[in-house]
Amino acid sequence: MKTATSKTGLFSFYLADSSWQSKNTRLGEEKLAQKIHFGTNSTGCRYVIIGISEDIGPQMNGGLPGSNKGFQSFCSAFQNIQSNRFLKGDEVGILGEIKQNQPFESIVKCANWVEELDDFILHVLGEFCPENQVIITIGGGHNNAYPLLKHTKQTRRQSLTSINIDPHADCRKTDYRHSGNPFSFAIQEKTIDRYRIFGLHESYNNEYILDFIQQHEIEASYFEEFLDNENAFWEQLTEFTESCPTNSSYALDIDLDAIAFQPSSAISPSGFQIEEIRKMIRILAGSLPISSFHLPEGAPKTAEEEKAFGKMVSYFVSDFIKQQNKLNK
């Protein structure tokens, strides 16, 4: 059910309802689909999932299309996880999906589209998400990190640390909005107080970005450091969590470009393995009170890719929720 449209109609928000339920049942089994909540029934849930189905942000940054496909691939796969002692599902809600209504034409013709999407995401979150909810966002480009961080800062009213697992720092120039500059906007506007990046690729961040990292004292670990000394990388991750105060807010972004051979807007043959990303999620979510968990840039194309993508992201989300539940016991 469409419940809201952006200023010029470029984007719409569809509130989830019971028709979104997707389950394959077997005798003696219970799936998450039978326990999780949909639409406005999710307002009382600790965790709320929102889909963003757009690919304007990556294309405005010269990237590939397809990040509008991620959420639907995830939605069915996640609902068919077992509801059991490890994850019941009754604390989880699926709120709905923001969709892009018109295709990308050119950077010139679509100049203000990402700004309109920023405003619309903030409107939807402000309208439907209580301040204490943990927001899990699936799909779309990394451009959406910016409004998600703004919402977290506005609602939590604490110092905000942004953690990003990504081959790219996404600190490009702020001449216009796209998927390559959500963090440079957030830093310049003082939306975030600390930015920590894990897994940057040395050869895929230009000199402007490297200078920006240095000038703003951004903490960064490079993927090449992981290759040289894997143990030191995991030690850095643990040291980071130990340096974080508990009276702050935290936002965790995992750009799916960071995973080797993962279909995305900037697919790469070199990167982390799925199990390594799961380990990072489990360490971070098991140590820090995270208010926003963002999984952008996945762009599955074939039916086979969609099935694998949906299950992979379901592992990430279930790991995150399980570890946060343990932390909050």
C-alpha atoms as a PDB file:
ATOM      1  CA  MET A   1       0.000   0.000   0.000  1.00  0.00           C
ATOM      2  CA  LYS A   2       1.525   3.307  -1.097  1.00  0.00           C
ATOM      3  CA  THR A   3       1.391   5.753   1.793  1.00  0.00           C
ATOM      4  CA  ALA A   4       3.669   8.642   0.801  1.00  0.00           C
ATOM      5  CA  THR A   5       5.362  10.187  -2.227  1.00  0.00           C
ATOM      6  CA  SER A   6       8.346  12.527  -2.403  1.00  0.00           C
ATOM      7  CA  LYS A   7       8.112  16.180  -3.418  1.00  0.00           C
ATOM      8  CA  THR A   8       8.141  15.690  -7.201  1.00  0.00           C
ATOM      9  CA  GLY A   9       6.938  12.069  -7.234  1.00  0.00           C
ATOM     10  CA  LEU A  10      10.339  10.530  -7.942  1.00  0.00           C
ATOM     11  CA  PHE A  11      10.077   8.213  -4.919  1.00  0.00           C
ATOM     12  CA  SER A  12       7.228   6.477  -3.093  1.00  0.00           C
ATOM     13  CA  PHE A  13       6.954   4.664   0.219  1.00  0.00           C
ATOM     14  CA  TYR A  14       4.966   1.422   0.429  1.00  0.00           C
ATOM     15  CA  LEU A  15       3.909   0.350   3.907  1.00  0.00           C
ATOM     16  CA  ALA A  16       4.169  -3.400   4.496  1.00  0.00           C
ATOM     17  CA  ASP A  17       1.101  -5.435   5.391  1.00  0.00           C
ATOM     18  CA  SER A  18       0.173  -9.108   5.871  1.00  0.00           C
ATOM     19  CA  SER A  19       0.340  -9.714   2.100  1.00  0.00           C
ATOM     20  CA  TRP A  20       4.133  -9.344   2.410  1.00  0.00           C
ATOM     21  CA  GLN A  21       4.327 -12.510   4.496  1.00  0.00           C
ATOM     22  CA  SER A  22       6.373 -15.157   2.706  1.00  0.00           C
ATOM     23  CA  LYS A  23       6.874 -18.598   4.216  1.00  0.00           C
ATOM     24  CA  ASN A  24       7.629 -22.133   3.138  1.00  0.00           C
ATOM     25  CA  THR A  25       6.431 -24.294   6.003  1.00  0.00           C
ATOM     26  CA  ARG A  26       7.236 -27.856   7.000  1.00  0.00           C
ATOM     27  CA  LEU A  27       5.466 -29.894   9.658  1.00  0.00           C
ATOM     28  CA  GLY A  28       6.969 -29.123  13.074  1.00  0.00           C
ATOM     29  CA  GLU A  29       8.735 -25.929  11.944  1.00  0.00           C
ATOM     30  CA  GLU A  30       8.094 -22.252  12.600  1.00  0.00           C
ATOM     31  CA  LYS A  31       9.589 -19.546  10.380  1.00  0.00           C
ATOM     32  CA  LEU A  32      10.349 -15.891  11.116  1.00  0.00           C
ATOM     33  CA  ALA A  33       7.487 -14.973   8.780  1.00  0.00           C
ATOM     34  CA  GLN A  34       5.078 -16.335  11.383  1.00  0.00           C
ATOM     35  CA  LYS A  35       6.570 -14.192  14.166  1.00  0.00           C
ATOM     36  CA  ILE A  36       7.729 -10.875  12.713  1.00  0.00           C
ATOM     37  CA  HIS A  37       5.455  -7.833  12.398  1.00  0.00           C
ATOM     38  CA  PHE A  38       4.521  -5.836   9.305  1.00  0.00           C
ATOM     39  CA  GLY A  39       3.824  -2.166   8.622  1.00  0.00           C
ATOM     40  CA  THR A  40       2.516  -0.078  11.508  1.00  0.00           C
ATOM     41  CA  ASN A  41       2.478  -3.189  13.706  1.00  0.00           C
ATOM     42  CA  SER A  42       6.280  -2.906  13.736  1.00  0.00           C
ATOM     43  CA  THR A  43       6.300   0.352  15.719  1.00  0.00           C
ATOM     44  CA  GLY A  44       6.654  -1.522  19.009  1.00  0.00           C
ATOM     45  CA  CYS A  45       9.507  -3.730  17.790  1.00  0.00           C
ATOM     46  CA  ARG A  46      13.089  -3.260  18.895  1.00  0.00           C
ATOM     47  CA  TYR A  47      14.345  -3.802  15.324  1.00  0.00           C
ATOM     48  CA  VAL A  48      12.653  -2.408  12.234  1.00  0.00           C
ATOM     49  CA  ILE A  49      13.674  -3.295   8.674  1.00  0.00           C
ATOM     50  CA  ILE A  50      13.242  -0.815   5.815  1.00  0.00           C
ATOM     51  CA  GLY A  51      13.923  -1.482   2.151  1.00  0.00           C
ATOM     52  CA  ILE A  52      15.261   1.187  -0.189  1.00  0.00           C
ATOM     53  CA  SER A  53      14.934   0.156  -3.822  1.00  0.00           C
ATOM     54  CA  GLU A  54      16.817   2.769  -5.824  1.00  0.00           C
ATOM     55  CA  ASP A  55      19.935   2.929  -7.968  1.00  0.00           C
ATOM     56  CA  ILE A  56      20.043   6.642  -8.742  1.00  0.00           C
ATOM     57  CA  GLY A  57      22.769   7.256  -6.130  1.00  0.00           C
ATOM     58  CA  PRO A  58      25.356   4.839  -7.577  1.00  0.00           C
ATOM     59  CA  GLN A  59      24.646   5.933 -11.152  1.00  0.00           C
ATOM     60  CA  MET A  60      25.084   9.588 -10.191  1.00  0.00           C
ATOM     61  CA  ASN A  61      28.563   8.482  -9.045  1.00  0.00           C
ATOM     62  CA  GLY A  62      29.348   6.665 -12.304  1.00  0.00           C
ATOM     63  CA  GLY A  63      28.491   3.260 -10.845  1.00  0.00           C
ATOM     64  CA  LEU A  64      26.450   0.395 -12.226  1.00  0.00           C
ATOM     65  CA  PRO A  65      22.641   0.108 -11.918  1.00  0.00           C
ATOM     66  CA  GLY A  66      20.906  -2.663  -9.982  1.00  0.00           C
ATOM     67  CA  SER A  67      20.978  -1.654  -6.314  1.00  0.00           C
ATOM     68  CA  ASN A  68      17.183  -1.360  -6.557  1.00  0.00           C
ATOM     69  CA  LYS A  69      17.003  -5.198  -6.562  1.00  0.00           C
ATOM     70  CA  GLY A  70      18.501  -6.015  -3.171  1.00  0.00           C
ATOM     71  CA  PHE A  71      15.612  -5.607  -0.760  1.00  0.00           C
ATOM     72  CA  GLN A  72      13.115  -7.903  -2.441  1.00  0.00           C
ATOM     73  CA  SER A  73      15.747 -10.636  -2.711  1.00  0.00           C
ATOM     74  CA  PHE A  74      16.395 -10.337   1.014  1.00  0.00           C
ATOM     75  CA  CYS A  75      12.784 -10.047   2.169  1.00  0.00           C
ATOM     76  CA  SER A  76      11.645 -13.547   1.240  1.00  0.00           C
ATOM     77  CA  ALA A  77      14.876 -15.258   2.284  1.00  0.00           C
ATOM     78  CA  PHE A  78      14.904 -13.601   5.716  1.00  0.00           C
ATOM     79  CA  GLN A  79      11.319 -14.554   6.466  1.00  0.00           C
ATOM     80  CA  ASN A  80      12.099 -18.207   5.831  1.00  0.00           C
ATOM     81  CA  ILE A  81      14.772 -18.435   8.528  1.00  0.00           C
ATOM     82  CA  GLN A  82      13.777 -20.756  11.371  1.00  0.00           C
ATOM     83  CA  SER A  83      12.208 -19.140  14.424  1.00  0.00           C
ATOM     84  CA  ASN A  84      13.971 -20.894  17.288  1.00  0.00           C
ATOM     85  CA  ARG A  85      15.819 -20.344  20.564  1.00  0.00           C
ATOM     86  CA  PHE A  86      18.572 -18.372  18.796  1.00  0.00           C
ATOM     87  CA  LEU A  87      16.259 -15.877  17.080  1.00  0.00           C
ATOM     88  CA  LYS A  88      12.515 -15.880  17.704  1.00  0.00           C
ATOM     89  CA  GLY A  89      11.661 -12.982  15.405  1.00  0.00           C
ATOM     90  CA  ASP A  90       8.898 -11.424  17.467  1.00  0.00           C
ATOM     91  CA  GLU A  91      11.139  -8.428  18.233  1.00  0.00           C
ATOM     92  CA  VAL A  92      11.535  -7.695  14.492  1.00  0.00           C
ATOM     93  CA  GLY A  93       9.317  -5.689  12.154  1.00  0.00           C
ATOM     94  CA  ILE A  94       9.355  -5.022   8.414  1.00  0.00           C
ATOM     95  CA  LEU A  95       8.090  -1.462   7.998  1.00  0.00           C
ATOM     96  CA  GLY A  96       8.010  -1.103   4.225  1.00  0.00           C
ATOM     97  CA  GLU A  97       9.913  -0.104   1.114  1.00  0.00           C
ATOM     98  CA  ILE A  98      10.955   3.153  -0.547  1.00  0.00           C
ATOM     99  CA  LYS A  99      10.944   2.786  -4.330  1.00  0.00           C
ATOM    100  CA  GLN A 100      12.396   4.846  -7.168  1.00  0.00           C
ATOM    101  CA  ASN A 101       9.679   5.620  -9.710  1.00  0.00           C
ATOM    102  CA  GLN A 102      11.710   6.847 -12.701  1.00  0.00           C
ATOM    103  CA  PRO A 103      14.884   5.468 -14.311  1.00  0.00           C
ATOM    104  CA  PHE A 104      18.222   7.267 -14.352  1.00  0.00           C
ATOM    105  CA  GLU A 105      18.846   9.335 -17.480  1.00  0.00           C
ATOM    106  CA  SER A 106      22.047  11.319 -16.975  1.00  0.00           C
ATOM    107  CA  ILE A 107      23.947  13.133 -14.246  1.00  0.00           C
ATOM    108  CA  VAL A 108      22.803  16.476 -15.648  1.00  0.00           C
ATOM    109  CA  LYS A 109      19.114  15.554 -15.937  1.00  0.00           C
ATOM    110  CA  CYS A 110      18.988  13.853 -12.527  1.00  0.00           C
ATOM    111  CA  ALA A 111      21.020  16.505 -10.699  1.00  0.00           C
ATOM    112  CA  ASN A 112      18.711  16.949  -7.681  1.00  0.00           C
ATOM    113  CA  TRP A 113      17.263  13.463  -7.350  1.00  0.00           C
ATOM    114  CA  VAL A 114      19.501  12.261  -4.517  1.00  0.00           C
ATOM    115  CA  GLU A 115      18.758  15.381  -2.446  1.00  0.00           C
ATOM    116  CA  GLU A 116      15.047  14.660  -2.879  1.00  0.00           C
ATOM    117  CA  LEU A 117      15.634  11.067  -1.767  1.00  0.00           C
ATOM    118  CA  ASP A 118      17.574  12.295   1.295  1.00  0.00           C
ATOM    119  CA  ASP A 119      14.628  14.433   2.381  1.00  0.00           C
ATOM    120  CA  PHE A 120      12.108  11.669   1.688  1.00  0.00           C
ATOM    121  CA  ILE A 121      14.011   9.069   3.727  1.00  0.00           C
ATOM    122  CA  LEU A 122      14.158  11.491   6.661  1.00  0.00           C
ATOM    123  CA  HIS A 123      10.419  12.106   6.309  1.00  0.00           C
ATOM    124  CA  VAL A 124       9.562   8.375   6.302  1.00  0.00           C
ATOM    125  CA  LEU A 125      11.812   7.636   9.282  1.00  0.00           C
ATOM    126  CA  GLY A 126      10.422  10.581  11.227  1.00  0.00           C
ATOM    127  CA  GLU A 127       6.831   9.584  10.462  1.00  0.00           C
ATOM    128  CA  PHE A 128       6.999   5.856  11.186  1.00  0.00           C
ATOM    129  CA  CYS A 129      10.015   5.023  13.392  1.00  0.00           C
ATOM    130  CA  PRO A 130       9.994   5.659  17.159  1.00  0.00           C
ATOM    131  CA  GLU A 131      13.186   7.167  18.504  1.00  0.00           C
ATOM    132  CA  ASN A 132      14.363   4.058  20.356  1.00  0.00           C
ATOM    133  CA  GLN A 133      14.154   1.640  17.406  1.00  0.00           C
ATOM    134  CA  VAL A 134      17.191   0.051  15.811  1.00  0.00           C
ATOM    135  CA  ILE A 135      16.830   0.672  12.075  1.00  0.00           C
ATOM    136  CA  ILE A 136      18.071  -1.973   9.636  1.00  0.00           C
ATOM    137  CA  THR A 137      18.177  -0.713   6.045  1.00  0.00           C
ATOM    138  CA  ILE A 138      18.576  -3.026   3.056  1.00  0.00           C
ATOM    139  CA  GLY A 139      19.163  -2.026  -0.560  1.00  0.00           C
ATOM    140  CA  GLY A 140      19.833   1.126  -2.531  1.00  0.00           C
ATOM    141  CA  GLY A 141      23.119   2.982  -2.860  1.00  0.00           C
ATOM    142  CA  HIS A 142      25.524   4.085  -0.169  1.00  0.00           C
ATOM    143  CA  ASN A 143      24.218   7.621  -0.672  1.00  0.00           C
ATOM    144  CA  ASN A 144      21.485   6.689   1.823  1.00  0.00           C
ATOM    145  CA  ALA A 145      24.009   6.535   4.670  1.00  0.00           C
ATOM    146  CA  TYR A 146      23.746  10.330   4.877  1.00  0.00           C
ATOM    147  CA  PRO A 147      20.016  10.614   5.778  1.00  0.00           C
ATOM    148  CA  LEU A 148      20.278   7.528   8.004  1.00  0.00           C
ATOM    149  CA  LEU A 149      23.099   9.165   9.961  1.00  0.00           C
ATOM    150  CA  LYS A 150      21.158  12.427  10.179  1.00  0.00           C
ATOM    151  CA  HIS A 151      18.131  10.595  11.573  1.00  0.00           C
ATOM    152  CA  THR A 152      20.274   8.763  14.133  1.00  0.00           C
ATOM    153  CA  LYS A 153      21.914  12.002  15.272  1.00  0.00           C
ATOM    154  CA  GLN A 154      18.558  13.808  15.546  1.00  0.00           C
ATOM    155  CA  THR A 155      16.798  11.059  17.498  1.00  0.00           C
ATOM    156  CA  ARG A 156      19.569   9.711  19.726  1.00  0.00           C
ATOM    157  CA  ARG A 157      20.975  13.165  20.582  1.00  0.00           C
ATOM    158  CA  GLN A 158      24.387  11.746  21.483  1.00  0.00           C
ATOM    159  CA  SER A 159      27.866  11.693  20.066  1.00  0.00           C
ATOM    160  CA  LEU A 160      27.672   9.564  16.899  1.00  0.00           C
ATOM    161  CA  THR A 161      30.371   7.218  15.603  1.00  0.00           C
ATOM    162  CA  SER A 162      30.019   5.921  12.052  1.00  0.00           C
ATOM    163  CA  ILE A 163      31.645   2.544  11.305  1.00  0.00           C
ATOM    164  CA  ASN A 164      32.030   1.631   7.653  1.00  0.00           C
ATOM    165  CA  ILE A 165      33.318  -1.634   6.155  1.00  0.00           C
ATOM    166  CA  ASP A 166      34.033  -0.555   2.609  1.00  0.00           C
ATOM    167  CA  PRO A 167      36.759  -0.525  -0.069  1.00  0.00           C
ATOM    168  CA  HIS A 168      35.877   3.147  -0.665  1.00  0.00           C
ATOM    169  CA  ALA A 169      35.815   5.929   1.939  1.00  0.00           C
ATOM    170  CA  ASP A 170      32.880   7.669   0.171  1.00  0.00           C
ATOM    171  CA  CYS A 171      34.367  11.062   0.992  1.00  0.00           C
ATOM    172  CA  ARG A 172      34.326  12.580  -2.484  1.00  0.00           C
ATOM    173  CA  LYS A 173      33.721  16.277  -3.134  1.00  0.00           C
ATOM    174  CA  THR A 174      30.394  17.726  -1.990  1.00  0.00           C
ATOM    175  CA  ASP A 175      29.500  19.522  -5.224  1.00  0.00           C
ATOM    176  CA  TYR A 176      26.351  17.381  -5.656  1.00  0.00           C
ATOM    177  CA  ARG A 177      24.900  14.348  -3.868  1.00  0.00           C
ATOM    178  CA  HIS A 178      25.651  10.794  -4.941  1.00  0.00           C
ATOM    179  CA  SER A 179      26.762   7.464  -3.486  1.00  0.00           C
ATOM    180  CA  GLY A 180      30.386   8.571  -3.251  1.00  0.00           C
ATOM    181  CA  ASN A 181      30.003  11.398  -0.739  1.00  0.00           C
ATOM    182  CA  PRO A 182      27.586  10.576   2.123  1.00  0.00           C
ATOM    183  CA  PHE A 183      30.361  10.642   4.717  1.00  0.00           C
ATOM    184  CA  SER A 184      32.047  13.830   3.492  1.00  0.00           C
ATOM    185  CA  PHE A 185      28.656  15.578   3.792  1.00  0.00           C
ATOM    186  CA  ALA A 186      28.090  14.061   7.252  1.00  0.00           C
ATOM    187  CA  ILE A 187      31.555  15.093   8.452  1.00  0.00           C
ATOM    188  CA  GLN A 188      31.395  18.632   7.081  1.00  0.00           C
ATOM    189  CA  GLU A 189      27.956  19.178   8.636  1.00  0.00           C
ATOM    190  CA  LYS A 190      29.155  17.626  11.941  1.00  0.00           C
ATOM    191  CA  THR A 191      26.457  14.948  11.808  1.00  0.00           C
ATOM    192  CA  ILE A 192      29.061  12.379  12.864  1.00  0.00           C
ATOM    193  CA  ASP A 193      31.719  12.907  15.506  1.00  0.00           C
ATOM    194  CA  ARG A 194      33.957   9.979  14.635  1.00  0.00           C
ATOM    195  CA  TYR A 195      34.400   8.008  11.401  1.00  0.00           C
ATOM    196  CA  ARG A 196      36.096   4.595  11.426  1.00  0.00           C
ATOM    197  CA  ILE A 197      36.662   2.687   8.174  1.00  0.00           C
ATOM    198  CA  PHE A 198      37.751  -0.934   7.819  1.00  0.00           C
ATOM    199  CA  GLY A 199      38.925  -2.478   4.525  1.00  0.00           C
ATOM    200  CA  LEU A 200      39.785   0.472   2.284  1.00  0.00           C
ATOM    201  CA  HIS A 201      41.498  -0.545  -0.961  1.00  0.00           C
ATOM    202  CA  GLU A 202      44.677   1.474  -1.478  1.00  0.00           C
ATOM    203  CA  SER A 203      44.304   1.791  -5.256  1.00  0.00           C
ATOM    204  CA  TYR A 204      40.610   2.725  -5.305  1.00  0.00           C
ATOM    205  CA  ASN A 205      40.612   5.960  -3.295  1.00  0.00           C
ATOM    206  CA  ASN A 206      41.845   9.065  -5.103  1.00  0.00           C
ATOM    207  CA  GLU A 207      44.266  11.647  -3.691  1.00  0.00           C
ATOM    208  CA  TYR A 208      41.441  14.033  -2.784  1.00  0.00           C
ATOM    209  CA  ILE A 209      39.893  11.325  -0.594  1.00  0.00           C
ATOM    210  CA  LEU A 210      43.240  10.350   0.954  1.00  0.00           C
ATOM    211  CA  ASP A 211      43.883  14.029   1.778  1.00  0.00           C
ATOM    212  CA  PHE A 212      40.367  14.316   3.220  1.00  0.00           C
ATOM    213  CA  ILE A 213      41.007  11.294   5.455  1.00  0.00           C
ATOM    214  CA  GLN A 214      44.234  12.842   6.705  1.00  0.00           C
ATOM    215  CA  GLN A 215      42.848  16.368   7.186  1.00  0.00           C
ATOM    216  CA  HIS A 216      39.812  15.167   9.165  1.00  0.00           C
ATOM    217  CA  GLU A 217      41.796  12.619  11.204  1.00  0.00           C
ATOM    218  CA  ILE A 218      39.622   9.746  10.012  1.00  0.00           C
ATOM    219  CA  GLU A 219      40.698   6.352  11.349  1.00  0.00           C
ATOM    220  CA  ALA A 220      41.165   3.879   8.512  1.00  0.00           C
ATOM    221  CA  SER A 221      42.432   0.314   8.084  1.00  0.00           C
ATOM    222  CA  TYR A 222      43.296  -0.898   4.595  1.00  0.00           C
ATOM    223  CA  PHE A 223      42.482  -4.242   3.022  1.00  0.00           C
ATOM    224  CA  GLU A 224      46.153  -4.581   2.151  1.00  0.00           C
ATOM    225  CA  GLU A 225      46.892  -4.542   5.912  1.00  0.00           C
ATOM    226  CA  PHE A 226      44.513  -7.484   6.248  1.00  0.00           C
ATOM    227  CA  LEU A 227      46.417  -9.320   3.496  1.00  0.00           C
ATOM    228  CA  ASP A 228      49.764  -8.614   5.160  1.00  0.00           C
ATOM    229  CA  ASN A 229      48.731  -9.504   8.703  1.00  0.00           C
ATOM    230  CA  GLU A 230      45.243 -10.875   9.254  1.00  0.00           C
ATOM    231  CA  ASN A 231      45.757 -11.220  12.997  1.00  0.00           C
ATOM    232  CA  ALA A 232      46.706  -7.538  13.322  1.00  0.00           C
ATOM    233  CA  PHE A 233      43.505  -6.580  11.483  1.00  0.00           C
ATOM    234  CA  TRP A 234      41.313  -8.462  13.943  1.00  0.00           C
ATOM    235  CA  GLU A 235      43.277  -6.957  16.816  1.00  0.00           C
ATOM    236  CA  GLN A 236      42.574  -3.474  15.414  1.00  0.00           C
ATOM    237  CA  LEU A 237      38.867  -4.272  15.272  1.00  0.00           C
ATOM    238  CA  THR A 238      38.843  -5.414  18.892  1.00  0.00           C
ATOM    239  CA  GLU A 239      40.925  -2.434  20.020  1.00  0.00           C
ATOM    240  CA  PHE A 240      38.445  -0.128  18.313  1.00  0.00           C
ATOM    241  CA  THR A 241      35.460  -1.621  20.143  1.00  0.00           C
ATOM    242  CA  GLU A 242      37.325  -1.336  23.436  1.00  0.00           C
ATOM    243  CA  SER A 243      37.983   2.375  22.764  1.00  0.00           C
ATOM    244  CA  CYS A 244      34.288   3.166  22.270  1.00  0.00           C
ATOM    245  CA  PRO A 245      32.260   4.657  25.143  1.00  0.00           C
ATOM    246  CA  THR A 246      28.877   3.038  25.830  1.00  0.00           C
ATOM    247  CA  ASN A 247      27.096   6.399  26.204  1.00  0.00           C
ATOM    248  CA  SER A 248      27.448   7.187  22.488  1.00  0.00           C
ATOM    249  CA  SER A 249      25.475   6.182  19.411  1.00  0.00           C
ATOM    250  CA  TYR A 250      26.877   3.944  16.686  1.00  0.00           C
ATOM    251  CA  ALA A 251      25.944   3.386  13.051  1.00  0.00           C
ATOM    252  CA  LEU A 252      27.298   0.365  11.158  1.00  0.00           C
ATOM    253  CA  ASP A 253      27.510   0.379   7.358  1.00  0.00           C
ATOM    254  CA  ILE A 254      28.659  -2.571   5.283  1.00  0.00           C
ATOM    255  CA  ASP A 255      29.048  -1.722   1.617  1.00  0.00           C
ATOM    256  CA  LEU A 256      28.515  -5.021  -0.190  1.00  0.00           C
ATOM    257  CA  ASP A 257      31.274  -3.971  -2.614  1.00  0.00           C
ATOM    258  CA  ALA A 258      33.589  -5.075   0.199  1.00  0.00           C
ATOM    259  CA  ILE A 259      32.857  -8.756  -0.531  1.00  0.00           C
ATOM    260  CA  ALA A 260      34.807 -10.446  -3.320  1.00  0.00           C
ATOM    261  CA  PHE A 261      32.755 -11.205  -6.435  1.00  0.00           C
ATOM    262  CA  GLN A 262      29.551  -9.906  -4.848  1.00  0.00           C
ATOM    263  CA  PRO A 263      27.224  -8.428  -7.545  1.00  0.00           C
ATOM    264  CA  SER A 264      27.199  -4.736  -6.724  1.00  0.00           C
ATOM    265  CA  SER A 265      27.571  -1.262  -8.215  1.00  0.00           C
ATOM    266  CA  ALA A 266      31.376  -1.634  -8.048  1.00  0.00           C
ATOM    267  CA  ILE A 267      31.985  -5.383  -8.200  1.00  0.00           C
ATOM    268  CA  SER A 268      35.534  -6.482  -7.345  1.00  0.00           C
ATOM    269  CA  PRO A 269      37.361  -9.829  -7.565  1.00  0.00           C
ATOM    270  CA  SER A 270      39.324  -8.913  -4.427  1.00  0.00           C
ATOM    271  CA  GLY A 271      37.741  -8.411  -1.042  1.00  0.00           C
ATOM    272  CA  PHE A 272      36.556 -10.003   2.176  1.00  0.00           C
ATOM    273  CA  GLN A 273      34.845 -13.378   2.262  1.00  0.00           C
ATOM    274  CA  ILE A 274      31.281 -13.698   3.534  1.00  0.00           C
ATOM    275  CA  GLU A 275      32.435 -15.463   6.713  1.00  0.00           C
ATOM    276  CA  GLU A 276      34.871 -12.623   7.467  1.00  0.00           C
ATOM    277  CA  ILE A 277      32.082 -10.059   7.159  1.00  0.00           C
ATOM    278  CA  ARG A 278      29.927 -12.187   9.465  1.00  0.00           C
ATOM    279  CA  LYS A 279      32.776 -12.265  11.991  1.00  0.00           C
ATOM    280  CA  MET A 280      33.082  -8.452  11.847  1.00  0.00           C
ATOM    281  CA  ILE A 281      29.345  -8.048  12.387  1.00  0.00           C
ATOM    282  CA  ARG A 282      29.417 -10.419  15.329  1.00  0.00           C
ATOM    283  CA  ILE A 283      32.335  -8.587  16.964  1.00  0.00           C
ATOM    284  CA  LEU A 284      30.903  -5.101  16.440  1.00  0.00           C
ATOM    285  CA  ALA A 285      27.259  -5.897  17.224  1.00  0.00           C
ATOM    286  CA  GLY A 286      28.303  -7.966  20.217  1.00  0.00           C
ATOM    287  CA  SER A 287      30.284  -5.053  21.672  1.00  0.00           C
ATOM    288  CA  LEU A 288      28.522  -1.781  20.774  1.00  0.00           C
ATOM    289  CA  PRO A 289      24.943  -0.451  21.032  1.00  0.00           C
ATOM    290  CA  ILE A 290      24.275   0.103  17.320  1.00  0.00           C
ATOM    291  CA  SER A 291      21.322   2.288  16.332  1.00  0.00           C
ATOM    292  CA  SER A 292      21.532   1.928  12.552  1.00  0.00           C
ATOM    293  CA  PHE A 293      22.649  -1.075  10.468  1.00  0.00           C
ATOM    294  CA  HIS A 294      22.931  -0.335   6.749  1.00  0.00           C
ATOM    295  CA  LEU A 295      23.585  -2.860   3.938  1.00  0.00           C
ATOM    296  CA  PRO A 296      23.714  -0.986   0.608  1.00  0.00           C
ATOM    297  CA  GLU A 297      25.043  -1.490  -2.941  1.00  0.00           C
ATOM    298  CA  GLY A 298      24.059  -5.113  -3.571  1.00  0.00           C
ATOM    299  CA  ALA A 299      22.910  -5.536  -7.171  1.00  0.00           C
ATOM    300  CA  PRO A 300      21.872  -9.124  -7.951  1.00  0.00           C
ATOM    301  CA  LYS A 301      20.786  -9.655 -11.550  1.00  0.00           C
ATOM    302  CA  THR A 302      19.954 -13.306 -12.228  1.00  0.00           C
ATOM    303  CA  ALA A 303      17.541 -15.498 -10.281  1.00  0.00           C
ATOM    304  CA  GLU A 304      20.502 -17.480  -8.961  1.00  0.00           C
ATOM    305  CA  GLU A 305      22.258 -14.307  -7.783  1.00  0.00           C
ATOM    306  CA  GLU A 306      19.066 -13.061  -6.131  1.00  0.00           C
ATOM    307  CA  LYS A 307      18.665 -16.297  -4.178  1.00  0.00           C
ATOM    308  CA  ALA A 308      22.282 -16.298  -2.957  1.00  0.00           C
ATOM    309  CA  PHE A 309      22.190 -12.566  -2.180  1.00  0.00           C
ATOM    310  CA  GLY A 310      18.992 -12.869  -0.169  1.00  0.00           C
ATOM    311  CA  LYS A 311      20.392 -15.671   1.963  1.00  0.00           C
ATOM    312  CA  MET A 312      23.728 -13.892   2.465  1.00  0.00           C
ATOM    313  CA  VAL A 313      22.123 -10.675   3.695  1.00  0.00           C
ATOM    314  CA  SER A 314      19.771 -12.724   5.888  1.00  0.00           C
ATOM    315  CA  TYR A 315      22.839 -14.203   7.610  1.00  0.00           C
ATOM    316  CA  PHE A 316      24.186 -10.671   8.162  1.00  0.00           C
ATOM    317  CA  VAL A 317      20.916  -9.369   9.624  1.00  0.00           C
ATOM    318  CA  SER A 318      20.316 -12.398  11.839  1.00  0.00           C
ATOM    319  CA  ASP A 319      23.917 -12.260  13.128  1.00  0.00           C
ATOM    320  CA  PHE A 320      23.445  -8.579  13.919  1.00  0.00           C
ATOM    321  CA  ILE A 321      20.166  -9.062  15.802  1.00  0.00           C
ATOM    322  CA  LYS A 322      21.414 -12.089  17.766  1.00  0.00           C
ATOM    323  CA  GLN A 323      24.559 -10.259  18.903  1.00  0.00           C
ATOM    324  CA  GLN A 324      22.663  -7.091  19.844  1.00  0.00           C
ATOM    325  CA  ASN A 325      20.204  -9.200  21.850  1.00  0.00           C
ATOM    326  CA  LYS A 326      23.092 -10.793  23.750  1.00  0.00           C
ATOM    327  CA  LEU A 327      24.618  -7.365  24.402  1.00  0.00           C
ATOM    328  CA  ASN A 328      21.350  -6.047  25.802  1.00  0.00           C
ATOM    329  CA  LYS A 329      20.605  -8.956  28.147  1.00  0.00           C
END
